[in-house]
Amino acid sequence: MSNFSISQQAGEVVAIARHAGDAIMRIYKAYQAGSAGDDLIQSKADQSPLTQADLTSHHVICNGLTLLTPDIPVVSEEDEQSESFRQSSHTFWLIDPLDGTKEFIACNDEFTVNIALVENGLATWGVVHAPALGQTYWGGSAHGSLREDSSGQTSLRVANQLSTASSCRVVASKSHLNTETADFIAQLGDVELVQAGSSLKFCKVAEAAADIYPRLAPTCEWDTAAAQAVLEGAGGYVVDTSGQRLHYGKADKLNPFFVAAAYSISHLLSR
């Protein structure tokens, strides 16, 4: 661990995420073509979907990170036994091999590979790779954040604070708003809904395409860590409803309800 520096080796971790994305895309294209096989989609104990792409990506990432950083444990959504490292390690990788499995199954392209570095309870750096879209985001609060796509590499910066006359761009679903989220959005005044799947919701805020993403519904630590790091690297915030930064390695893998935003919640609510 002493020989590893994310500042110097970020490119190697980004490459691992892209290798996982390549593996996912081979299965995705077969699925789209109708040749993926009957065992592509299974169900977990909680009835959430699990695909061969989730498992293949898991193995690519775990193998890659273990070779790169053998002293840093890897905690993956797809390895229940690895969860013990969340509380026993000051530093660990936290991964979601395929975030947006439902998006994968629906063939809407908005699924991602998420890899986060957690140090002393904070997501200090992360990469979010959207293989079907050809987009990769990475960064952290001490590193800045970048996006790379077919047009090249771009530094990310959240939007400037809204004026009282501006509509607030909210990342939210038009058809799946729960009561808590709808009530929160109602406090924001004039809003424009922005659509996105998986952890790309955070990235919309990071790249100044949205102002806020309220998530007043259950999520797990691996759902948010990488994207939180990217958003914080772009100057944004990810805080719980009392204004505290999201932490990782808790006794409970579930996150509290949170808001991801370009600027403080108090500014948004006081316009």
Protein backbone atom coordinates (compact mmCIF):
# COMPACT_ATOMS: atom_id res chain seq x y z
CA MET A 1 0.00 0.00 0.00
CA SER A 2 2.85 2.37 0.74
CA ASN A 3 3.97 2.17 -2.91
CA PHE A 4 0.55 3.07 -4.31
CA SER A 5 -0.39 6.64 -5.20
CA ILE A 6 -3.73 7.41 -6.85
CA SER A 7 -2.25 10.62 -8.22
CA GLN A 8 0.35 8.60 -10.13
CA GLN A 9 -1.66 5.47 -10.91
CA ALA A 10 -5.14 6.80 -11.62
CA GLY A 11 -4.71 5.90 -15.28
CA GLU A 12 -4.17 2.26 -14.38
CA VAL A 13 -7.41 2.14 -12.37
CA VAL A 14 -9.29 3.91 -15.19
CA ALA A 15 -7.91 1.26 -17.55
CA ILE A 16 -9.26 -1.51 -15.28
CA ALA A 17 -12.71 0.10 -15.38
CA ARG A 18 -12.54 0.25 -19.17
CA HIS A 19 -11.45 -3.38 -19.42
CA ALA A 20 -14.49 -4.29 -17.32
CA GLY A 21 -16.61 -2.15 -19.61
CA ASP A 22 -15.27 -4.01 -22.66
CA ALA A 23 -16.24 -7.31 -21.05
CA ILE A 24 -19.71 -5.97 -20.29
CA MET A 25 -20.16 -4.75 -23.86
CA ARG A 26 -19.38 -8.16 -25.35
CA ILE A 27 -22.24 -9.62 -23.31
CA TYR A 28 -24.48 -6.57 -23.92
CA LYS A 29 -24.12 -6.85 -27.70
CA ALA A 30 -24.90 -10.56 -27.57
CA TYR A 31 -27.96 -9.79 -25.43
CA GLN A 32 -29.13 -7.14 -27.91
CA ALA A 33 -28.66 -9.62 -30.73
CA GLY A 34 -30.65 -12.28 -28.88
CA SER A 35 -27.70 -14.67 -28.61
CA ALA A 36 -26.70 -14.25 -24.95
CA GLY A 37 -28.21 -17.49 -23.70
CA ASP A 38 -31.02 -18.29 -21.28
CA ASP A 39 -28.87 -17.96 -18.17
CA LEU A 40 -27.87 -14.32 -18.78
CA ILE A 41 -30.31 -12.91 -16.21
CA GLN A 42 -30.76 -14.40 -12.74
CA SER A 43 -32.28 -13.11 -9.50
CA LYS A 44 -30.54 -12.40 -6.20
CA ALA A 45 -32.03 -13.31 -2.84
CA ASP A 46 -33.70 -9.88 -2.67
CA GLN A 47 -35.16 -10.47 -6.17
CA SER A 48 -33.03 -7.77 -7.76
CA PRO A 49 -31.63 -8.78 -11.16
CA LEU A 50 -28.13 -10.18 -11.66
CA THR A 51 -26.59 -10.74 -15.09
CA GLN A 52 -23.51 -12.54 -16.35
CA ALA A 53 -22.20 -9.06 -17.16
CA ASP A 54 -22.27 -8.12 -13.44
CA LEU A 55 -20.22 -11.20 -12.55
CA THR A 56 -17.78 -10.91 -15.45
CA SER A 57 -17.10 -7.26 -14.64
CA HIS A 58 -16.63 -8.17 -10.98
CA HIS A 59 -13.89 -10.66 -11.83
CA VAL A 60 -12.11 -8.30 -14.24
CA ILE A 61 -12.04 -5.49 -11.65
CA CYS A 62 -11.09 -7.65 -8.67
CA ASN A 63 -8.28 -9.34 -10.58
CA GLY A 64 -6.99 -6.03 -11.90
CA LEU A 65 -7.05 -4.22 -8.57
CA THR A 66 -5.51 -7.17 -6.72
CA LEU A 67 -2.58 -7.16 -9.13
CA LEU A 68 -2.20 -3.37 -8.94
CA THR A 69 -2.67 -2.99 -5.18
CA PRO A 70 -2.32 -6.38 -3.45
CA ASP A 71 -2.39 -4.76 0.02
CA ILE A 72 -5.70 -2.94 -0.50
CA PRO A 73 -8.79 -5.15 -0.10
CA VAL A 74 -11.59 -5.00 -2.65
CA VAL A 75 -15.21 -4.74 -1.50
CA SER A 76 -17.66 -5.64 -4.27
CA GLU A 77 -21.43 -5.71 -4.44
CA GLU A 78 -21.09 -9.15 -6.03
CA ASP A 79 -19.00 -10.69 -3.22
CA GLU A 80 -20.87 -10.79 0.06
CA GLN A 81 -17.84 -12.09 1.96
CA SER A 82 -15.81 -9.04 0.94
CA GLU A 83 -18.15 -6.77 2.92
CA SER A 84 -16.21 -7.58 6.09
CA PHE A 85 -13.40 -5.35 4.80
CA ARG A 86 -15.68 -2.30 4.83
CA GLN A 87 -15.35 -1.95 8.59
CA SER A 88 -12.03 -3.69 9.21
CA SER A 89 -9.93 -1.67 6.74
CA HIS A 90 -8.95 2.00 6.83
CA THR A 91 -8.36 1.86 3.09
CA PHE A 92 -10.26 -0.28 0.58
CA TRP A 93 -11.60 -0.33 -2.95
CA LEU A 94 -15.39 -0.18 -3.14
CA ILE A 95 -16.83 -1.33 -6.45
CA ASP A 96 -20.12 -1.77 -8.23
CA PRO A 97 -19.18 -3.90 -11.23
CA LEU A 98 -22.36 -3.00 -13.12
CA ASP A 99 -24.42 -0.15 -11.74
CA GLY A 100 -27.76 0.04 -13.51
CA THR A 101 -28.47 -3.62 -14.17
CA LYS A 102 -32.06 -2.67 -14.97
CA GLU A 103 -30.76 -0.18 -17.55
CA PHE A 104 -28.62 -2.96 -19.03
CA ILE A 105 -31.65 -5.27 -19.29
CA ALA A 106 -33.74 -2.46 -20.82
CA CYS A 107 -30.94 -1.79 -23.37
CA ASN A 108 -30.97 1.97 -22.74
CA ASP A 109 -27.14 2.20 -22.51
CA GLU A 110 -27.13 4.11 -19.17
CA PHE A 111 -25.23 1.63 -17.02
CA THR A 112 -21.81 2.14 -15.49
CA VAL A 113 -18.75 0.54 -13.92
CA ASN A 114 -17.95 2.16 -10.54
CA ILE A 115 -14.62 1.94 -8.70
CA ALA A 116 -13.96 4.06 -5.59
CA LEU A 117 -10.99 4.39 -3.27
CA VAL A 118 -12.19 4.76 0.32
CA GLU A 119 -9.77 6.10 2.93
CA ASN A 120 -10.73 6.58 6.57
CA GLY A 121 -14.43 6.58 5.74
CA LEU A 122 -14.28 8.99 2.80
CA ALA A 123 -14.50 8.33 -0.93
CA THR A 124 -11.30 10.13 -1.92
CA TRP A 125 -11.19 9.14 -5.59
CA GLY A 126 -13.39 7.31 -8.04
CA VAL A 127 -14.00 6.35 -11.65
CA VAL A 128 -17.39 6.02 -13.33
CA HIS A 129 -17.24 4.42 -16.77
CA ALA A 130 -20.27 4.21 -19.07
CA PRO A 131 -19.11 1.73 -21.74
CA ALA A 132 -22.15 1.87 -24.03
CA LEU A 133 -21.94 5.68 -24.12
CA GLY A 134 -18.17 5.82 -24.49
CA GLN A 135 -17.88 8.14 -21.48
CA THR A 136 -15.49 7.93 -18.53
CA TYR A 137 -15.46 10.21 -15.47
CA TRP A 138 -12.82 10.17 -12.75
CA GLY A 139 -11.47 12.29 -9.92
CA GLY A 140 -11.72 13.24 -6.27
CA SER A 141 -11.86 16.22 -3.95
CA ALA A 142 -8.05 16.57 -3.81
CA HIS A 143 -7.50 15.75 -7.47
CA GLY A 144 -10.13 17.56 -9.56
CA SER A 145 -12.31 15.61 -11.98
CA LEU A 146 -12.18 14.81 -15.68
CA ARG A 147 -14.45 13.39 -18.36
CA GLU A 148 -13.17 11.61 -21.45
CA ASP A 149 -15.27 10.70 -24.49
CA SER A 150 -14.88 10.65 -28.27
CA SER A 151 -14.23 14.40 -28.33
CA GLY A 152 -11.32 14.16 -25.90
CA GLN A 153 -10.68 14.98 -22.26
CA THR A 154 -12.45 17.76 -20.36
CA SER A 155 -12.01 19.16 -16.85
CA LEU A 156 -15.28 19.09 -14.93
CA ARG A 157 -16.75 21.95 -12.94
CA VAL A 158 -20.23 22.17 -11.45
CA ALA A 159 -22.61 24.92 -12.52
CA ASN A 160 -22.54 28.40 -11.00
CA GLN A 161 -25.08 29.18 -8.31
CA LEU A 162 -28.62 29.76 -9.55
CA SER A 163 -30.24 33.15 -9.58
CA THR A 164 -33.76 33.54 -8.25
CA ALA A 165 -35.04 33.75 -11.84
CA SER A 166 -33.44 30.49 -12.99
CA SER A 167 -35.10 27.09 -13.14
CA CYS A 168 -33.41 24.45 -11.00
CA ARG A 169 -32.34 21.44 -13.09
CA VAL A 170 -33.19 18.36 -11.04
CA VAL A 171 -32.04 14.83 -11.83
CA ALA A 172 -35.13 12.75 -11.14
CA SER A 173 -37.48 10.28 -12.76
CA LYS A 174 -40.78 11.57 -14.09
CA SER A 175 -42.49 8.25 -13.41
CA HIS A 176 -40.81 6.96 -10.23
CA LEU A 177 -40.81 9.85 -7.76
CA ASN A 178 -41.54 8.76 -4.22
CA THR A 179 -43.38 11.11 -1.87
CA GLU A 180 -40.26 12.24 0.00
CA THR A 181 -38.44 13.16 -3.18
CA ALA A 182 -41.47 14.91 -4.69
CA ASP A 183 -41.92 16.96 -1.50
CA PHE A 184 -38.25 17.97 -1.55
CA ILE A 185 -38.40 19.01 -5.21
CA ALA A 186 -41.54 21.06 -4.50
CA GLN A 187 -39.43 23.25 -2.20
CA LEU A 188 -37.11 24.19 -5.06
CA GLY A 189 -39.62 26.30 -6.96
CA ASP A 190 -39.47 26.28 -10.76
CA VAL A 191 -37.66 23.10 -11.84
CA GLU A 192 -36.63 21.28 -14.99
CA LEU A 193 -36.30 17.49 -14.76
CA VAL A 194 -33.13 15.91 -16.17
CA GLN A 195 -33.14 12.18 -16.93
CA ALA A 196 -30.19 9.84 -16.32
CA GLY A 197 -29.60 6.26 -15.22
CA SER A 198 -27.29 4.67 -12.65
CA SER A 199 -24.46 6.78 -11.22
CA LEU A 200 -24.63 9.02 -14.28
CA LYS A 201 -27.09 11.07 -12.22
CA PHE A 202 -24.15 12.39 -10.17
CA CYS A 203 -22.12 12.94 -13.32
CA LYS A 204 -24.85 15.18 -14.77
CA VAL A 205 -24.32 17.49 -11.81
CA ALA A 206 -20.53 17.19 -12.04
CA GLU A 207 -20.51 18.26 -15.70
CA ALA A 208 -22.90 21.20 -15.07
CA ALA A 209 -25.77 19.55 -16.97
CA ALA A 210 -27.89 19.56 -13.78
CA ASP A 211 -27.96 21.39 -10.44
CA ILE A 212 -29.15 18.78 -7.97
CA TYR A 213 -29.88 15.09 -7.56
CA PRO A 214 -32.01 14.32 -4.47
CA ARG A 215 -32.08 10.66 -3.48
CA LEU A 216 -34.58 10.21 -0.68
CA ALA A 217 -34.77 6.46 -1.15
CA PRO A 218 -32.52 3.51 -0.22
CA THR A 219 -29.07 3.06 -1.78
CA CYS A 220 -25.99 1.09 -0.78
CA GLU A 221 -22.46 2.36 -0.27
CA TRP A 222 -21.18 0.92 -3.58
CA ASP A 223 -23.96 2.77 -5.45
CA THR A 224 -22.57 6.18 -4.56
CA ALA A 225 -18.89 6.18 -3.57
CA ALA A 226 -17.23 6.51 -6.99
CA ALA A 227 -19.70 9.08 -8.28
CA GLN A 228 -19.51 11.07 -5.04
CA ALA A 229 -15.74 11.35 -5.51
CA VAL A 230 -16.19 12.55 -9.10
CA LEU A 231 -18.77 15.15 -8.10
CA GLU A 232 -16.70 16.42 -5.18
CA GLY A 233 -13.70 16.67 -7.49
CA ALA A 234 -15.80 18.93 -9.72
CA GLY A 235 -16.65 21.19 -6.78
CA GLY A 236 -19.98 19.67 -5.79
CA TYR A 237 -21.45 18.22 -2.61
CA VAL A 238 -22.98 14.91 -1.54
CA VAL A 239 -24.57 15.25 1.90
CA ASP A 240 -27.23 13.59 3.97
CA THR A 241 -30.41 15.42 4.95
CA SER A 242 -28.66 16.98 7.96
CA GLY A 243 -25.89 18.35 5.74
CA GLN A 244 -23.19 15.82 6.63
CA ARG A 245 -20.90 14.39 3.92
CA LEU A 246 -21.65 10.75 3.08
CA HIS A 247 -19.27 8.32 4.80
CA TYR A 248 -18.30 4.74 4.00
CA GLY A 249 -17.38 1.64 5.96
CA LYS A 250 -20.36 2.04 8.29
CA ALA A 251 -21.90 -0.83 10.21
CA ASP A 252 -24.86 -0.60 7.84
CA LYS A 253 -24.09 -0.81 4.13
CA LEU A 254 -27.17 1.30 3.41
CA ASN A 255 -26.66 5.02 2.87
CA PRO A 256 -28.81 7.62 4.56
CA PHE A 257 -31.05 9.66 2.26
CA PHE A 258 -28.87 12.23 0.52
CA VAL A 259 -28.69 15.16 -1.86
CA ALA A 260 -25.98 15.54 -4.52
CA ALA A 261 -25.72 19.15 -5.65
CA ALA A 262 -23.57 21.75 -7.35
CA TYR A 263 -23.82 24.05 -4.34
CA SER A 264 -25.22 24.09 -0.85
CA ILE A 265 -28.78 22.95 -0.16
CA SER A 266 -29.37 26.14 1.81
CA HIS A 267 -28.73 28.20 -1.33
CA LEU A 268 -31.14 26.09 -3.36
CA LEU A 269 -33.89 26.32 -0.78
CA SER A 270 -33.45 30.06 -0.15
CA ARG A 271 -33.68 31.34 -3.72
